[in-house]
Amino acid sequence: MSIQHLNQVELSRRWTISPRTLERWRWLGQGPRYLKIGGRVVYRLDDVEAYEAQQTRTSTASVAEVSPHASRA
């Protein structure tokens, strides 16, 4: 069993968001869990998939109530 990791660029491509968004989320304490090893940031695939599962919604009304990570644009 091997643990798979994504770096910031790989995760930003997966979600089609800017790598800077991931940096901002880390600074704000939002987004998926990550590891910082020797100055490198990596995301465990299991943590990414768990975060994705937590973002599942049944209606747009539930976003503000359920997710403290929701964008308030």
C-alpha atoms as a PDB file:
ATOM      1  CA  MET A   1       0.000   0.000   0.000  1.00  0.00           C
ATOM      2  CA  SER A   2       1.577   3.264  -1.064  1.00  0.00           C
ATOM      3  CA  ILE A   3       0.483   6.681   0.117  1.00  0.00           C
ATOM      4  CA  GLN A   4       0.024   9.105  -2.748  1.00  0.00           C
ATOM      5  CA  HIS A   5       0.762  12.803  -2.428  1.00  0.00           C
ATOM      6  CA  LEU A   6      -0.072  15.837  -4.530  1.00  0.00           C
ATOM      7  CA  ASN A   7       1.974  18.989  -4.512  1.00  0.00           C
ATOM      8  CA  GLN A   8       0.355  22.427  -4.619  1.00  0.00           C
ATOM      9  CA  VAL A   9       0.444  22.679  -8.416  1.00  0.00           C
ATOM     10  CA  GLU A  10      -0.990  19.185  -8.916  1.00  0.00           C
ATOM     11  CA  LEU A  11      -3.866  19.885  -6.515  1.00  0.00           C
ATOM     12  CA  SER A  12      -4.574  23.268  -8.078  1.00  0.00           C
ATOM     13  CA  ARG A  13      -4.830  21.541 -11.481  1.00  0.00           C
ATOM     14  CA  ARG A  14      -7.118  18.847 -10.056  1.00  0.00           C
ATOM     15  CA  TRP A  15      -9.503  21.515  -8.782  1.00  0.00           C
ATOM     16  CA  THR A  16      -8.804  24.098 -11.525  1.00  0.00           C
ATOM     17  CA  ILE A  17      -7.953  26.785  -8.987  1.00  0.00           C
ATOM     18  CA  SER A  18      -4.899  28.969  -8.559  1.00  0.00           C
ATOM     19  CA  PRO A  19      -1.964  27.632  -6.510  1.00  0.00           C
ATOM     20  CA  ARG A  20      -2.176  30.974  -4.654  1.00  0.00           C
ATOM     21  CA  THR A  21      -5.675  30.022  -3.501  1.00  0.00           C
ATOM     22  CA  LEU A  22      -4.214  26.961  -1.786  1.00  0.00           C
ATOM     23  CA  GLU A  23      -1.526  29.149  -0.211  1.00  0.00           C
ATOM     24  CA  ARG A  24      -4.199  31.550   1.078  1.00  0.00           C
ATOM     25  CA  TRP A  25      -6.297  28.683   2.434  1.00  0.00           C
ATOM     26  CA  ARG A  26      -3.271  27.338   4.329  1.00  0.00           C
ATOM     27  CA  TRP A  27      -2.601  30.789   5.774  1.00  0.00           C
ATOM     28  CA  LEU A  28      -6.262  31.058   6.843  1.00  0.00           C
ATOM     29  CA  GLY A  29      -6.339  27.502   8.204  1.00  0.00           C
ATOM     30  CA  GLN A  30      -8.825  26.382   5.538  1.00  0.00           C
ATOM     31  CA  GLY A  31      -8.810  23.723   2.859  1.00  0.00           C
ATOM     32  CA  PRO A  32      -7.544  20.160   3.097  1.00  0.00           C
ATOM     33  CA  ARG A  33      -4.944  18.983   5.590  1.00  0.00           C
ATOM     34  CA  TYR A  34      -1.372  19.112   4.335  1.00  0.00           C
ATOM     35  CA  LEU A  35       2.153  18.103   5.269  1.00  0.00           C
ATOM     36  CA  LYS A  36       5.147  20.398   5.287  1.00  0.00           C
ATOM     37  CA  ILE A  37       8.364  18.440   4.963  1.00  0.00           C
ATOM     38  CA  GLY A  38      11.653  20.221   4.462  1.00  0.00           C
ATOM     39  CA  GLY A  39       9.887  23.367   3.284  1.00  0.00           C
ATOM     40  CA  ARG A  40       7.803  21.442   0.740  1.00  0.00           C
ATOM     41  CA  VAL A  41       4.026  21.341   1.037  1.00  0.00           C
ATOM     42  CA  VAL A  42       2.275  18.144  -0.029  1.00  0.00           C
ATOM     43  CA  TYR A  43      -1.286  16.922   0.294  1.00  0.00           C
ATOM     44  CA  ARG A  44      -2.072  13.277   0.981  1.00  0.00           C
ATOM     45  CA  LEU A  45      -4.539  11.988  -1.595  1.00  0.00           C
ATOM     46  CA  ASP A  46      -6.637  10.478   1.225  1.00  0.00           C
ATOM     47  CA  ASP A  47      -6.910  13.920   2.886  1.00  0.00           C
ATOM     48  CA  VAL A  48      -7.828  15.569  -0.432  1.00  0.00           C
ATOM     49  CA  GLU A  49     -10.548  13.004  -1.084  1.00  0.00           C
ATOM     50  CA  ALA A  50     -11.869  13.379   2.487  1.00  0.00           C
ATOM     51  CA  TYR A  51     -12.023  17.161   2.042  1.00  0.00           C
ATOM     52  CA  GLU A  52     -13.844  16.721  -1.263  1.00  0.00           C
ATOM     53  CA  ALA A  53     -16.391  14.452   0.431  1.00  0.00           C
ATOM     54  CA  GLN A  54     -16.959  17.083   3.148  1.00  0.00           C
ATOM     55  CA  GLN A  55     -17.787  19.663   0.463  1.00  0.00           C
ATOM     56  CA  THR A  56     -20.711  17.642  -0.917  1.00  0.00           C
ATOM     57  CA  ARG A  57     -23.948  19.625  -0.767  1.00  0.00           C
ATOM     58  CA  THR A  58     -27.594  18.909  -1.460  1.00  0.00           C
ATOM     59  CA  SER A  59     -28.638  22.532  -1.985  1.00  0.00           C
ATOM     60  CA  THR A  60     -27.091  25.979  -2.249  1.00  0.00           C
ATOM     61  CA  ALA A  61     -28.854  27.006   0.972  1.00  0.00           C
ATOM     62  CA  SER A  62     -26.789  24.524   2.999  1.00  0.00           C
ATOM     63  CA  VAL A  63     -23.419  26.050   2.030  1.00  0.00           C
ATOM     64  CA  ALA A  64     -23.458  28.944   4.522  1.00  0.00           C
ATOM     65  CA  GLU A  65     -24.639  26.730   7.373  1.00  0.00           C
ATOM     66  CA  VAL A  66     -22.382  23.724   6.816  1.00  0.00           C
ATOM     67  CA  SER A  67     -19.072  24.983   5.469  1.00  0.00           C
ATOM     68  CA  PRO A  68     -16.857  27.467   7.276  1.00  0.00           C
ATOM     69  CA  HIS A  69     -14.627  27.237   4.173  1.00  0.00           C
ATOM     70  CA  ALA A  70     -17.211  28.617   1.772  1.00  0.00           C
ATOM     71  CA  SER A  71     -16.085  31.569  -0.284  1.00  0.00           C
ATOM     72  CA  ARG A  72     -17.848  34.783   0.593  1.00  0.00           C
ATOM     73  CA  ALA A  73     -17.274  36.597  -2.697  1.00  0.00           C
END
